[in-house]
Amino acid sequence: MFWTIVWFFVNMLFVVSIIAYLFMYRSYTETKRQSGDFALIKRLNARRKLVGVLSIVLFVAMAASFMINMRLNG
């Protein structure tokens, strides 16, 4: 039961991070298209990449906790 709960919460965090990434990507592309403020574009790009890496790490954690859960609980 413990790994089911771990998987559930990690899965929720993964979904939230993907949604946040999509909003950050949209903000980055809109700012890049409409603005010439290179400092802002650079900052938005760094945030977008950080959330992208976090999403990948959460995906790996989600997959690992799912596999552990299936191994233990069948």
Protein backbone atom coordinates (compact mmCIF):
# COMPACT_ATOMS: atom_id res chain seq x y z
CA MET A 1 0.00 0.00 0.00
CA PHE A 2 2.90 2.37 0.72
CA TRP A 3 4.20 2.21 -2.87
CA THR A 4 0.72 2.80 -4.26
CA ILE A 5 0.53 6.05 -2.31
CA VAL A 6 4.07 7.00 -3.36
CA TRP A 7 3.22 6.31 -7.00
CA PHE A 8 -0.01 8.32 -6.76
CA PHE A 9 1.68 11.43 -5.34
CA VAL A 10 4.67 11.24 -7.69
CA ASN A 11 2.25 10.81 -10.59
CA MET A 12 0.33 13.91 -9.51
CA LEU A 13 3.55 15.92 -9.25
CA PHE A 14 4.59 14.70 -12.70
CA VAL A 15 1.31 15.81 -14.27
CA VAL A 16 1.52 19.20 -12.56
CA SER A 17 5.10 19.66 -13.77
CA ILE A 18 4.13 18.82 -17.36
CA ILE A 19 1.27 21.34 -17.27
CA ALA A 20 3.58 23.97 -15.76
CA TYR A 21 6.15 23.22 -18.47
CA LEU A 22 3.56 23.75 -21.19
CA PHE A 23 2.53 27.11 -19.73
CA MET A 24 6.18 28.16 -19.38
CA TYR A 25 6.88 27.10 -22.95
CA ARG A 26 3.97 29.21 -24.17
CA SER A 27 5.15 32.19 -22.13
CA TYR A 28 8.67 31.81 -23.51
CA THR A 29 7.58 31.57 -27.15
CA GLU A 30 5.12 34.47 -26.87
CA THR A 31 7.72 36.68 -25.21
CA LYS A 32 10.30 35.68 -27.81
CA ARG A 33 7.87 36.53 -30.61
CA GLN A 34 6.59 39.84 -29.22
CA SER A 35 9.41 41.30 -27.15
CA GLY A 36 13.00 42.27 -27.67
CA ASP A 37 13.94 42.04 -23.99
CA PHE A 38 16.75 39.49 -24.19
CA ALA A 39 17.24 39.31 -20.41
CA LEU A 40 13.60 38.31 -19.94
CA ILE A 41 13.79 35.77 -22.76
CA LYS A 42 16.93 34.24 -21.27
CA ARG A 43 15.33 34.05 -17.81
CA LEU A 44 12.14 32.43 -19.17
CA ASN A 45 14.21 29.94 -21.17
CA ALA A 46 16.20 28.96 -18.07
CA ARG A 47 12.99 28.43 -16.06
CA ARG A 48 11.48 26.40 -18.89
CA LYS A 49 14.54 24.15 -19.08
CA LEU A 50 14.61 23.70 -15.29
CA VAL A 51 10.97 22.59 -15.20
CA GLY A 52 11.63 20.33 -18.21
CA VAL A 53 14.45 18.57 -16.40
CA LEU A 54 12.28 18.30 -13.27
CA SER A 55 9.53 16.71 -15.38
CA ILE A 56 11.96 14.12 -16.73
CA VAL A 57 13.19 13.29 -13.22
CA LEU A 58 9.60 12.97 -11.98
CA PHE A 59 8.77 10.69 -14.91
CA VAL A 60 11.62 8.37 -13.99
CA ALA A 61 10.53 8.42 -10.33
CA MET A 62 6.94 7.73 -11.33
CA ALA A 63 7.96 4.78 -13.52
CA ALA A 64 10.23 3.38 -10.81
CA SER A 65 7.59 3.63 -8.08
CA PHE A 66 5.03 2.03 -10.42
CA MET A 67 7.36 -0.87 -11.17
CA ILE A 68 8.12 -1.36 -7.48
CA ASN A 69 4.41 -1.23 -6.68
CA MET A 70 3.61 -3.84 -9.35
CA ARG A 71 6.49 -6.06 -8.19
CA LEU A 72 5.32 -6.02 -4.56
CA ASN A 73 1.55 -5.99 -5.02
CA GLY A 74 1.24 -7.96 -8.23
